Every structure is written in C-alpha cells, then in structure tokens.
Amino acid sequence: MRALTIPEICTAMAGRLLGDLTVPAVHRIVTDSRHDVIGGLFFALRGENHDGHAFVNNVLARGAACAVVSDLSAVADQFHRGGRVIQVPDVTAALGKLAAWYRRQFAAQVIAVVGSNGKTTTKDLIATVLGSKLRGKAAQGSFNNQIGVPLTLLSVEPADQYVVVEIGTNHPGEVTALGRMAQPDLAVVTSIGEEHLEFFGTLDAVASEEFSIVANLGGRAFLAMSEQSAAFAPSKLPERCTHVVYGFAESADLRATELSADRAGMRFRVNGKFGYRLPLIGRHNVVNALAAVAIGLRLKMTHAEIAAALETVRPAKMRLEPMQVGELTIINDAYNANPTSMKAAFEAVDEWPAAGRRVFVLGDMRELGDESERCHASVGLEAGRSSAKVIIAVGGFARAVVDGATKSAGTSKRIYAFPTVEALSGRLRELLEPGDIVLLKGSRGMRMERLLEGLDKRSAAKTGVA
C-alpha cells in the first residue's frame, strides 16, 4: 500500500478525526492487534466472537498511527483528543469505503475470481502464472469476504501490475457489493453449483449471484468462464465484454485434451497444440488451470510462459492435498464441501494411479437448507458408484449419505455412519488397512482434519495402520 494521509482516509471513509492532525500518514492496514502495528491504521472490527475496540488502547500505545472506531467509550482519555482516532458509524463499512476509494487510485489490472467451487485454487493458479512475469498481489488464503476483499485491494502498491481478488458469497447481493468495490477489469466464473442453498434457494439464484460480477467489469472487460458455468450465463452479455469459454468440449475456446494422470498430477494439451503439466490431482483442477491460461493469454503471456509457471504450483492446504501418514495415503480435502466439489473429489481419487483401497470419509455439507437430505443422499449415491471400497459418513446427515450409497454400492463395499467426528476418531484406525488411500472431505464447520490427530505414525509401524 502507498502511504495514505489522514485527510485522504477521513474523506474516503466519511470519518471524523478526533483532535488535531498529529500523524501525517499511515503505511499499512492492521486488523489483528497481534501483528506489527507500528505506523499502521488499525480497524477495530467487530465479529461474532471478538471486538477490536477492546484492543484500541493497546495498539495505539504500541505505535499504531491511528485507529478507526465506532465506539468512543473504548478509547482511553490520552488518545481521545490526540489526533489518533477516527470515528465512523460502522468500522467494517469504513474499511470497504477506503478500499473502494483506493481501488480508483491505482492502475493495476484487477482480476476477480467468483464461482461455487475452485475459487481459491483458481486464484492461486492465476497468481502463480502472472507472478512469473509481472509484479502484483493476490488474496491471501481465502480472503474473499467484506473484510478480505478490501484488505487485498489495500495491499496493492504503485508499481504493481495486477491484483487477483477472490469474491465469495453466501447471501444474495454480496458479489454485487464486492464487485462494485473491486471494479475488476477481468473476471473468472469457475462453476455454478449447489452452494448455500439455505440462502439462495435454487441453482438459478446461485448463477444470478455469481454472474452479477459482470455488471461491475470495467471498460476493458474480459470474462473467462468454464463450460459448466457458461451454461448458466446470461443470454446476453454486455457488448463491451470479451469472453472466452474453457473446458473439455469441442466448442470451448480453450479446450484441454489428451488428459493423463500420474501420482505427480495431470498432463494435458490446450487446443491440441500446447503441452502442460500440472502438479495437482483431478480433472477439475485442469479446468481451474485453463482459467489461469485464459487470464495469462489475455495479459500477453505465451503458452510456454504459462506452462512453465503452472509446473511450479503446489496444492493448497486441505484442498486435495496428498499426505503420507505411516502406511496410509491421505487426500486431505477437508477445507470445505458442497455436492459439486464432493463429486469432483470422488473423481480425482478414482483416477489417481495408485494401488490400495479407496476409503471415503465424508462429513456434512452445511448451508443447504431444505435441500440437505436430497443433496446428501445424492452424494452418497455417487460415492456408492465410485471405486471406494469403504464409505464412512459423519455428522447429522450421515444416514442420508449411507442411504444413498447403499442404493448404488455393490455388496463388496463397507458403509458406515457416525454421528460426530469424535465418535469416528476412536474407531477410524480399526476400519483402515495398510496402503489405503483415504479421502477426507466435509464442510469447514465439520473440521474433518481433526481425524488426522488420531492416525498416529508411531502405531502405524507396529499395526500397519496409521
């Protein structure tokens, strides 16, 4: 971030500086009091389990330049009139206003990634490709909400040529609001799937939400969409918007063919000419990589440059992340789950060229509302049809998964239901065999990665089970 003056900040946020100006400028944005605060602008954000106002006096005493607050009662007398506190009605909204203003100050190309699945992986792939040739920034982790998107935009420096933002949603209108803030030049719609149906209701409503990003594309508008998401695209895109479709179909503008999988990842060709190697497993990650190809080509990179960059990627934490635990291979995909990503994970593990039984350990998928029973049964049906020899369902909808799996599974499959992760943790070792390939997947709230704690490497050497 470039240095911002206090008057600039107050104007952008419609904030009120208490006292006379004593600090000429700030050099960083801080939202976590545990981080380095010296010279920073601290936003006293409120959340379900925390209130940044409780730390205002501490961060100012430790050298923060200024703090943004809504509640003055939390500010000690010595800071009250010292020109180091800006009062606003809503601290989170003020952060967004500052980011929207700052976005209009820089020339870097803004790439927005939206969609039901694959956003973080696609964002990381795009950042890897562009970062191999250009200078820029990308969202950290899954910074994709009303706090993460502003922080990503505010990280941009004057010399940066691009910034990749990830925009998530679980309520109608969030993509529009964050898109208005980011004003992207380029956008990617990764997929349209059954996500957050508790709040959206239908797949068409999900599609409408994700494609609302188009309304906020700038004058150099460019849209890349997977062939799956393109089926839900508005019938008429704005004339100023150049768009490409990527995927496996002959009609795709960027088409992946000649796919092959090995333990190191995927190999494929783009449009029959250009060879690529991707160190990630799963056909769906080839689709994610095509989005990065589309963005790289749009920003004047060559296929050779893009391919070389993609060879350097590594799996993100808990996103189809292969791990060796004793004599078990764990495919840790525990970061999140919905029906579409569940089925993509099944396909990836099915195709992974390794000996050993496939074991699917599947947690609940959250925020599906009235569709929860149906969606869990559908996932169970797909699991039953897969190569998995053991299917273990965990959570409040475990029985629906088991019911679905029982309908499609052969008699050789073993199917179990457990009410909680804790209940399974004490039994998991005895259900596994040496050489098993174990998929862990569930919604973030299930925290399926906790099961790894019970798979002790030391006992694996003795029992053959990790």
Protein backbone atom coordinates (compact mmCIF):
# COMPACT_ATOMS: atom_id res chain seq x y z
CA MET A 1 0.00 0.00 0.00
CA ARG A 2 1.23 3.50 -0.71
CA ALA A 3 1.36 5.95 2.17
CA LEU A 4 -2.09 7.43 2.83
CA THR A 5 -2.60 10.76 4.53
CA ILE A 6 -5.10 11.06 7.36
CA PRO A 7 -7.17 13.66 5.47
CA GLU A 8 -7.37 11.28 2.49
CA ILE A 9 -8.52 8.47 4.75
CA CYS A 10 -11.13 10.56 6.52
CA THR A 11 -12.55 11.81 3.23
CA ALA A 12 -12.67 8.31 1.71
CA MET A 13 -14.45 6.83 4.74
CA ALA A 14 -16.52 9.88 5.69
CA GLY A 15 -14.83 9.62 9.08
CA ARG A 16 -14.25 12.24 11.78
CA LEU A 17 -10.75 12.77 13.17
CA LEU A 18 -10.80 13.47 16.91
CA GLY A 19 -8.45 16.31 17.78
CA ASP A 20 -5.80 17.98 15.67
CA LEU A 21 -3.81 16.19 13.00
CA THR A 22 -0.65 14.76 14.57
CA VAL A 23 0.18 11.86 12.25
CA PRO A 24 0.83 12.84 8.62
CA ALA A 25 0.36 9.42 7.00
CA VAL A 26 -0.08 5.68 7.54
CA HIS A 27 1.79 2.92 5.75
CA ARG A 28 -0.19 -0.23 6.45
CA ILE A 29 -3.65 -1.50 7.37
CA VAL A 30 -3.97 -3.58 10.55
CA THR A 31 -7.00 -5.60 11.64
CA ASP A 32 -5.27 -8.02 14.04
CA SER A 33 -3.75 -6.48 17.16
CA ARG A 34 -1.26 -9.36 17.40
CA HIS A 35 0.53 -8.20 14.25
CA ASP A 36 3.06 -5.41 13.79
CA VAL A 37 1.06 -2.23 14.31
CA ILE A 38 3.79 0.45 14.15
CA GLY A 39 2.79 3.16 11.69
CA GLY A 40 -0.41 1.31 10.85
CA LEU A 41 -4.09 2.23 10.62
CA PHE A 42 -5.93 -0.11 12.99
CA PHE A 43 -9.55 -1.00 12.21
CA ALA A 44 -11.46 -2.04 15.35
CA LEU A 45 -13.58 -4.66 13.61
CA ARG A 46 -16.41 -6.43 15.38
CA GLY A 47 -17.19 -10.12 14.80
CA GLU A 48 -19.27 -12.86 16.37
CA ASN A 49 -16.56 -13.72 18.89
CA HIS A 50 -14.40 -10.61 19.08
CA ASP A 51 -14.47 -6.82 19.22
CA GLY A 52 -11.42 -4.91 18.06
CA HIS A 53 -12.41 -1.98 20.26
CA ALA A 54 -11.04 -3.96 23.21
CA PHE A 55 -7.54 -3.61 21.73
CA VAL A 56 -7.57 0.02 20.56
CA ASN A 57 -5.65 1.44 23.52
CA ASN A 58 -3.08 -1.36 23.31
CA VAL A 59 -2.31 -0.87 19.61
CA LEU A 60 -2.10 2.91 19.94
CA ALA A 61 0.28 2.54 22.88
CA ARG A 62 2.42 0.15 20.82
CA GLY A 63 2.84 2.63 17.98
CA ALA A 64 -0.15 2.37 15.67
CA ALA A 65 -0.52 5.68 13.84
CA CYS A 66 -4.28 5.84 14.10
CA ALA A 67 -7.35 3.73 14.94
CA VAL A 68 -10.76 3.59 13.28
CA VAL A 69 -13.56 3.09 15.80
CA SER A 70 -17.31 3.39 16.10
CA ASP A 71 -17.48 3.32 19.92
CA LEU A 72 -15.55 6.12 21.61
CA SER A 73 -16.16 4.72 25.08
CA ALA A 74 -13.42 2.15 24.39
CA VAL A 75 -10.77 4.84 23.81
CA ALA A 76 -8.62 5.99 26.73
CA ASP A 77 -8.53 9.70 27.59
CA GLN A 78 -4.94 10.18 26.44
CA PHE A 79 -5.91 9.15 22.90
CA HIS A 80 -9.33 10.79 22.85
CA ARG A 81 -8.26 14.16 21.50
CA GLY A 82 -4.78 13.35 20.29
CA GLY A 83 -5.49 13.18 16.58
CA ARG A 84 -5.02 9.41 16.51
CA VAL A 85 -8.64 8.23 16.43
CA ILE A 86 -11.10 8.35 13.52
CA GLN A 87 -14.75 7.82 14.35
CA VAL A 88 -17.12 6.20 11.84
CA PRO A 89 -20.63 4.74 12.17
CA ASP A 90 -19.55 1.24 11.06
CA VAL A 91 -15.92 0.10 11.06
CA THR A 92 -16.38 -2.75 8.55
CA ALA A 93 -18.23 -0.47 6.14
CA ALA A 94 -15.47 2.13 6.54
CA LEU A 95 -12.84 -0.44 5.57
CA GLY A 96 -14.83 -1.18 2.41
CA LYS A 97 -15.20 2.52 1.57
CA LEU A 98 -11.47 3.08 1.93
CA ALA A 99 -10.73 0.09 -0.32
CA ALA A 100 -13.21 1.27 -2.97
CA TRP A 101 -11.59 4.71 -2.96
CA TYR A 102 -8.07 3.22 -3.08
CA ARG A 103 -9.07 0.99 -6.00
CA ARG A 104 -9.72 4.11 -8.06
CA GLN A 105 -6.19 5.37 -7.33
CA PHE A 106 -4.17 2.56 -8.93
CA ALA A 107 -3.69 1.32 -12.49
CA ALA A 108 -3.05 -2.36 -11.75
CA GLN A 109 -5.32 -4.80 -13.57
CA VAL A 110 -7.88 -6.28 -11.17
CA ILE A 111 -8.82 -9.92 -11.75
CA ALA A 112 -11.87 -11.14 -9.81
CA VAL A 113 -12.49 -14.85 -9.28
CA VAL A 114 -16.05 -15.91 -8.42
CA GLY A 115 -17.93 -19.22 -8.51
CA SER A 116 -19.28 -22.04 -6.40
CA ASN A 117 -16.14 -24.18 -6.37
CA GLY A 118 -12.44 -23.85 -7.09
CA LYS A 119 -12.09 -20.12 -6.38
CA THR A 120 -9.05 -20.30 -4.13
CA THR A 121 -7.21 -22.83 -6.30
CA THR A 122 -8.00 -20.83 -9.44
CA LYS A 123 -6.90 -17.61 -7.75
CA ASP A 124 -3.62 -19.25 -6.72
CA LEU A 125 -3.04 -20.62 -10.23
CA ILE A 126 -3.65 -17.21 -11.80
CA ALA A 127 -1.33 -15.56 -9.29
CA THR A 128 1.39 -18.14 -10.00
CA VAL A 129 1.11 -17.58 -13.74
CA LEU A 130 1.06 -13.79 -13.63
CA GLY A 131 3.67 -13.62 -10.87
CA SER A 132 6.18 -15.43 -13.06
CA LYS A 133 6.36 -12.41 -15.37
CA LEU A 134 4.60 -9.46 -13.76
CA ARG A 135 4.60 -7.72 -10.40
CA GLY A 136 1.41 -7.92 -8.39
CA LYS A 137 -0.63 -9.13 -5.45
CA ALA A 138 -3.20 -11.84 -4.75
CA ALA A 139 -5.65 -12.52 -1.96
CA GLN A 140 -4.13 -14.44 0.94
CA GLY A 141 -5.76 -17.80 1.66
CA SER A 142 -9.50 -17.45 1.23
CA PHE A 143 -9.73 -13.70 1.83
CA ASN A 144 -12.99 -13.39 -0.08
CA ASN A 145 -15.49 -11.51 2.06
CA GLN A 146 -16.27 -7.95 3.16
CA ILE A 147 -13.02 -7.88 5.10
CA GLY A 148 -10.74 -10.00 2.91
CA VAL A 149 -11.51 -8.23 -0.38
CA PRO A 150 -10.76 -4.74 1.00
CA LEU A 151 -7.52 -5.95 2.57
CA THR A 152 -6.42 -7.44 -0.75
CA LEU A 153 -7.16 -4.20 -2.63
CA LEU A 154 -5.39 -2.12 0.02
CA SER A 155 -2.26 -4.28 -0.31
CA VAL A 156 -1.62 -3.01 -3.86
CA GLU A 157 1.49 -0.88 -4.33
CA PRO A 158 2.03 1.77 -7.02
CA ALA A 159 4.41 -0.44 -9.03
CA ASP A 160 2.05 -3.44 -9.09
CA GLN A 161 0.66 -4.50 -12.47
CA TYR A 162 -2.12 -6.80 -11.28
CA VAL A 163 -4.09 -7.92 -8.24
CA VAL A 164 -6.15 -11.10 -8.01
CA VAL A 165 -9.16 -10.88 -5.71
CA GLU A 166 -11.35 -13.78 -4.69
CA ILE A 167 -15.02 -12.92 -4.16
CA GLY A 168 -17.19 -15.28 -2.16
CA THR A 169 -20.85 -15.19 -1.28
CA ASN A 170 -23.38 -16.93 0.92
CA HIS A 171 -26.18 -14.36 0.71
CA PRO A 172 -27.76 -12.61 -2.30
CA GLY A 173 -26.14 -9.30 -3.22
CA GLU A 174 -22.68 -9.95 -1.82
CA VAL A 175 -20.98 -10.43 -5.22
CA THR A 176 -22.53 -7.20 -6.47
CA ALA A 177 -21.35 -5.27 -3.41
CA LEU A 178 -17.80 -6.64 -3.50
CA GLY A 179 -17.65 -6.31 -7.29
CA ARG A 180 -18.64 -2.65 -7.01
CA MET A 181 -15.76 -2.22 -4.57
CA ALA A 182 -13.18 -4.08 -6.68
CA GLN A 183 -14.24 -2.75 -10.13
CA PRO A 184 -12.47 -5.66 -11.89
CA ASP A 185 -11.03 -5.45 -15.39
CA LEU A 186 -11.13 -9.23 -15.81
CA ALA A 187 -13.30 -11.86 -14.15
CA VAL A 188 -13.46 -15.64 -13.93
CA VAL A 189 -16.59 -17.64 -13.14
CA THR A 190 -15.27 -21.05 -12.07
CA SER A 191 -18.50 -23.04 -11.67
CA ILE A 192 -22.14 -22.89 -10.65
CA GLY A 193 -23.11 -25.45 -8.03
CA GLU A 194 -25.38 -26.23 -5.12
CA GLU A 195 -23.85 -23.86 -2.57
CA HIS A 196 -25.55 -22.05 0.30
CA LEU A 197 -29.00 -23.15 -0.89
CA GLU A 198 -30.27 -22.29 2.57
CA PHE A 199 -29.95 -18.65 1.49
CA PHE A 200 -30.23 -18.83 -2.32
CA GLY A 201 -32.93 -21.46 -2.69
CA THR A 202 -32.24 -22.51 -6.30
CA LEU A 203 -29.34 -23.13 -8.65
CA ASP A 204 -30.59 -20.32 -10.91
CA ALA A 205 -30.38 -17.93 -7.97
CA VAL A 206 -26.79 -19.04 -7.36
CA ALA A 207 -25.98 -18.40 -11.04
CA SER A 208 -27.57 -14.97 -10.95
CA GLU A 209 -25.49 -14.08 -7.91
CA GLU A 210 -22.17 -15.25 -9.39
CA PHE A 211 -22.73 -13.66 -12.80
CA SER A 212 -23.64 -10.34 -11.19
CA ILE A 213 -19.88 -9.68 -11.29
CA VAL A 214 -20.28 -8.81 -14.99
CA ALA A 215 -22.16 -5.59 -14.18
CA ASN A 216 -19.09 -4.22 -12.42
CA LEU A 217 -16.48 -5.10 -15.04
CA GLY A 218 -14.57 -2.05 -16.24
CA GLY A 219 -14.12 -0.70 -19.74
CA ARG A 220 -11.52 -3.32 -20.71
CA ALA A 221 -13.97 -6.02 -19.67
CA PHE A 222 -12.90 -9.64 -20.09
CA LEU A 223 -14.80 -12.67 -18.78
CA ALA A 224 -13.49 -16.24 -18.65
CA MET A 225 -16.00 -18.93 -17.71
CA SER A 226 -15.87 -22.69 -17.51
CA GLU A 227 -18.14 -24.53 -19.91
CA GLN A 228 -20.15 -25.69 -16.89
CA SER A 229 -20.77 -22.13 -15.68
CA ALA A 230 -21.32 -20.85 -19.23
CA ALA A 231 -24.50 -22.95 -19.35
CA PHE A 232 -25.90 -20.58 -16.69
CA ALA A 233 -24.58 -17.34 -18.20
CA PRO A 234 -26.99 -14.52 -19.02
CA SER A 235 -28.41 -14.86 -22.52
CA LYS A 236 -26.83 -11.55 -23.49
CA LEU A 237 -23.53 -10.33 -22.10
CA PRO A 238 -22.62 -6.64 -22.48
CA GLU A 239 -21.19 -5.85 -25.92
CA ARG A 240 -18.09 -4.32 -24.33
CA CYS A 241 -17.33 -7.64 -22.62
CA THR A 242 -14.96 -10.01 -24.42
CA HIS A 243 -15.47 -13.54 -23.17
CA VAL A 244 -13.97 -17.00 -23.56
CA VAL A 245 -15.23 -20.41 -22.51
CA TYR A 246 -12.80 -23.07 -21.28
CA GLY A 247 -13.21 -26.78 -20.64
CA PHE A 248 -13.22 -30.15 -22.39
CA ALA A 249 -15.94 -29.68 -25.03
CA GLU A 250 -15.11 -29.20 -28.70
CA SER A 251 -16.96 -25.89 -28.60
CA ALA A 252 -14.69 -24.46 -25.88
CA ASP A 253 -12.41 -21.59 -26.87
CA LEU A 254 -9.70 -23.09 -24.65
CA ARG A 255 -10.00 -26.87 -24.72
CA ALA A 256 -8.00 -29.41 -22.73
CA THR A 257 -7.41 -32.75 -24.42
CA GLU A 258 -5.17 -35.81 -24.04
CA LEU A 259 -5.52 -35.83 -20.25
CA SER A 260 -3.46 -38.29 -18.27
CA ALA A 261 -2.93 -38.67 -14.55
CA ASP A 262 0.01 -39.87 -12.51
CA ARG A 263 0.94 -39.59 -8.84
CA ALA A 264 2.55 -36.22 -9.54
CA GLY A 265 -0.57 -34.68 -11.07
CA MET A 266 -2.10 -34.17 -14.51
CA ARG A 267 -0.81 -33.78 -18.05
CA PHE A 268 -2.88 -32.28 -20.87
CA ARG A 269 -2.76 -30.29 -24.09
CA VAL A 270 -4.51 -27.00 -24.80
CA ASN A 271 -6.25 -26.69 -28.16
CA GLY A 272 -4.33 -29.73 -29.34
CA LYS A 273 -1.02 -27.88 -29.58
CA PHE A 274 0.44 -26.82 -26.27
CA GLY A 275 1.59 -29.31 -23.65
CA TYR A 276 1.05 -28.66 -19.95
CA ARG A 277 1.94 -30.45 -16.72
CA LEU A 278 0.01 -29.59 -13.55
CA PRO A 279 1.24 -30.86 -10.15
CA LEU A 280 -2.34 -31.12 -8.82
CA ILE A 281 -4.66 -34.12 -8.95
CA GLY A 282 -8.10 -34.20 -10.54
CA ARG A 283 -9.71 -33.30 -13.86
CA HIS A 284 -11.42 -30.36 -12.19
CA ASN A 285 -8.00 -28.85 -11.47
CA VAL A 286 -7.25 -28.99 -15.19
CA VAL A 287 -10.35 -26.83 -15.63
CA ASN A 288 -9.07 -24.46 -12.95
CA ALA A 289 -5.72 -24.31 -14.75
CA LEU A 290 -7.48 -23.37 -18.00
CA ALA A 291 -8.81 -20.27 -16.26
CA ALA A 292 -5.23 -19.28 -15.49
CA VAL A 293 -4.30 -19.94 -19.12
CA ALA A 294 -7.12 -17.66 -20.26
CA ILE A 295 -6.01 -14.82 -17.98
CA GLY A 296 -2.34 -15.26 -18.85
CA LEU A 297 -3.05 -15.12 -22.58
CA ARG A 298 -5.22 -12.04 -22.10
CA LEU A 299 -2.31 -10.29 -20.38
CA LYS A 300 0.04 -11.07 -23.28
CA MET A 301 1.82 -14.13 -21.91
CA THR A 302 2.72 -17.06 -24.17
CA HIS A 303 1.65 -20.67 -23.73
CA ALA A 304 5.26 -21.59 -22.99
CA GLU A 305 5.48 -18.98 -20.21
CA ILE A 306 2.16 -20.06 -18.71
CA ALA A 307 3.04 -23.77 -18.87
CA ALA A 308 6.39 -23.18 -17.16
CA ALA A 309 4.68 -21.28 -14.35
CA LEU A 310 1.97 -23.91 -13.81
CA GLU A 311 4.61 -26.60 -13.34
CA THR A 312 5.68 -24.83 -10.14
CA VAL A 313 2.33 -24.86 -8.30
CA ARG A 314 1.73 -26.89 -5.15
CA PRO A 315 -1.55 -27.97 -3.54
CA ALA A 316 -3.07 -25.52 -1.10
CA LYS A 317 -3.63 -26.71 2.45
CA MET A 318 -6.62 -29.06 2.79
CA ARG A 319 -7.52 -28.87 -0.90
CA LEU A 320 -6.90 -32.34 -2.37
CA GLU A 321 -3.60 -32.26 -0.52
CA PRO A 322 -1.82 -35.65 -0.62
CA MET A 323 -0.19 -36.62 2.68
CA GLN A 324 1.66 -39.73 3.76
CA VAL A 325 0.71 -40.83 7.28
CA GLY A 326 2.51 -44.05 8.07
CA GLU A 327 1.34 -46.61 5.51
CA LEU A 328 -1.72 -44.57 4.59
CA THR A 329 -2.07 -42.02 1.82
CA ILE A 330 -4.40 -39.26 2.95
CA ILE A 331 -6.05 -36.97 0.40
CA ASN A 332 -6.88 -34.05 2.67
CA ASP A 333 -9.73 -32.11 1.05
CA ALA A 334 -11.22 -31.01 4.34
CA TYR A 335 -11.31 -27.27 3.74
CA ASN A 336 -14.93 -27.20 2.55
CA ALA A 337 -17.57 -29.16 0.66
CA ASN A 338 -20.74 -28.93 -1.37
CA PRO A 339 -22.30 -31.53 -3.69
CA THR A 340 -20.32 -30.44 -6.76
CA SER A 341 -16.95 -30.41 -5.02
CA MET A 342 -17.70 -33.76 -3.35
CA LYS A 343 -18.25 -35.41 -6.71
CA ALA A 344 -15.14 -33.77 -8.18
CA ALA A 345 -13.09 -35.16 -5.28
CA PHE A 346 -14.50 -38.66 -5.85
CA GLU A 347 -13.48 -38.47 -9.50
CA ALA A 348 -9.99 -37.23 -8.64
CA VAL A 349 -9.34 -40.04 -6.15
CA ASP A 350 -10.86 -42.62 -8.52
CA GLU A 351 -8.43 -41.58 -11.27
CA TRP A 352 -5.34 -41.26 -9.10
CA PRO A 353 -2.98 -44.03 -10.28
CA ALA A 354 -2.09 -45.74 -7.03
CA ALA A 355 -2.70 -49.19 -5.63
CA GLY A 356 -4.71 -49.59 -2.47
CA ARG A 357 -8.32 -49.42 -1.35
CA ARG A 358 -10.13 -46.13 -1.74
CA VAL A 359 -11.74 -45.03 1.54
CA PHE A 360 -14.07 -42.03 1.54
CA VAL A 361 -14.57 -40.28 4.89
CA LEU A 362 -17.33 -37.75 4.26
CA GLY A 363 -18.61 -35.07 6.62
CA ASP A 364 -21.76 -33.00 6.44
CA MET A 365 -22.22 -30.29 3.82
CA ARG A 366 -23.56 -27.18 5.54
CA GLU A 367 -25.98 -24.42 4.47
CA LEU A 368 -28.04 -26.50 2.03
CA GLY A 369 -31.33 -25.69 3.75
CA ASP A 370 -34.36 -27.71 2.68
CA GLU A 371 -32.22 -29.49 0.08
CA SER A 372 -29.89 -31.02 2.68
CA GLU A 373 -31.38 -34.52 2.79
CA ARG A 374 -31.60 -34.75 -1.00
CA CYS A 375 -28.07 -33.42 -1.56
CA HIS A 376 -26.51 -35.76 0.98
CA ALA A 377 -28.36 -38.74 -0.48
CA SER A 378 -27.17 -37.73 -3.96
CA VAL A 379 -23.57 -37.55 -2.76
CA GLY A 380 -23.98 -40.97 -1.18
CA LEU A 381 -25.32 -42.33 -4.47
CA GLU A 382 -22.21 -41.04 -6.29
CA ALA A 383 -19.92 -42.43 -3.60
CA GLY A 384 -21.58 -45.82 -3.96
CA ARG A 385 -20.88 -45.78 -7.70
CA SER A 386 -17.24 -44.80 -7.20
CA SER A 387 -14.22 -47.04 -6.74
CA ALA A 388 -14.35 -46.59 -2.95
CA LYS A 389 -14.34 -49.89 -1.06
CA VAL A 390 -15.16 -48.21 2.25
CA ILE A 391 -17.54 -45.26 2.71
CA ILE A 392 -17.69 -43.59 6.12
CA ALA A 393 -20.25 -40.83 6.62
CA VAL A 394 -20.01 -38.46 9.58
CA GLY A 395 -22.44 -35.92 11.01
CA GLY A 396 -26.11 -35.11 11.24
CA PHE A 397 -26.76 -36.18 7.65
CA ALA A 398 -24.62 -39.33 7.75
CA ARG A 399 -27.70 -41.54 7.47
CA ALA A 400 -28.79 -39.80 4.24
CA VAL A 401 -25.33 -40.41 2.74
CA VAL A 402 -25.47 -44.06 3.79
CA ASP A 403 -28.97 -44.48 2.35
CA GLY A 404 -27.80 -43.09 -0.99
CA ALA A 405 -24.62 -45.17 -1.03
CA THR A 406 -26.49 -48.36 -0.17
CA LYS A 407 -28.70 -47.94 -3.24
CA SER A 408 -25.80 -47.85 -5.69
CA ALA A 409 -22.97 -49.74 -3.96
CA GLY A 410 -22.11 -53.34 -4.64
CA THR A 411 -22.10 -55.93 -1.89
CA SER A 412 -18.31 -55.71 -1.55
CA LYS A 413 -18.42 -52.16 -0.19
CA ARG A 414 -18.40 -51.45 3.54
CA ILE A 415 -20.55 -48.48 4.56
CA TYR A 416 -20.63 -46.84 7.99
CA ALA A 417 -22.33 -43.90 9.69
CA PHE A 418 -21.05 -41.97 12.71
CA PRO A 419 -22.86 -39.09 14.41
CA THR A 420 -19.76 -36.97 15.08
CA VAL A 421 -16.08 -36.65 14.22
CA GLU A 422 -15.29 -37.50 17.85
CA ALA A 423 -17.26 -40.75 17.62
CA LEU A 424 -15.41 -41.78 14.46
CA SER A 425 -11.99 -40.75 15.75
CA GLY A 426 -11.86 -43.62 18.22
CA ARG A 427 -12.81 -46.17 15.55
CA LEU A 428 -11.14 -44.94 12.38
CA ARG A 429 -7.86 -46.83 12.82
CA GLU A 430 -9.58 -50.20 13.02
CA LEU A 431 -11.50 -49.51 9.79
CA LEU A 432 -8.34 -48.85 7.77
CA GLU A 433 -5.69 -51.11 6.27
CA PRO A 434 -2.06 -50.51 5.22
CA GLY A 435 -1.92 -48.97 1.75
CA ASP A 436 -5.37 -47.37 1.91
CA ILE A 437 -5.97 -44.11 0.06
CA VAL A 438 -8.21 -42.08 2.35
CA LEU A 439 -10.23 -39.06 1.20
CA LEU A 440 -11.17 -36.63 3.99
CA LYS A 441 -13.84 -34.15 2.96
CA GLY A 442 -16.58 -32.09 4.60
CA SER A 443 -17.74 -28.54 5.21
CA ARG A 444 -15.43 -26.20 7.12
CA GLY A 445 -17.63 -26.40 10.18
CA MET A 446 -17.02 -30.16 10.41
CA ARG A 447 -13.23 -29.70 10.69
CA MET A 448 -12.59 -33.16 9.29
CA GLU A 449 -8.83 -32.64 9.59
CA ARG A 450 -9.21 -33.43 13.29
CA LEU A 451 -9.30 -37.09 12.30
CA LEU A 452 -5.62 -36.86 11.37
CA GLU A 453 -4.76 -36.41 15.04
CA GLY A 454 -5.89 -39.96 15.76
CA LEU A 455 -3.83 -41.50 12.96
CA ASP A 456 -0.59 -41.94 14.89
CA LYS A 457 2.50 -42.53 12.76
CA ARG A 458 4.25 -44.49 15.51
CA SER A 459 1.43 -47.01 15.84
CA ALA A 460 1.43 -47.44 12.07
CA ALA A 461 4.81 -49.14 12.14
CA LYS A 462 3.50 -51.72 14.59
CA THR A 463 -0.01 -52.32 13.34
CA GLY A 464 0.15 -51.34 9.69
CA VAL A 465 -2.49 -48.73 10.35
CA ALA A 466 -1.74 -45.02 10.67
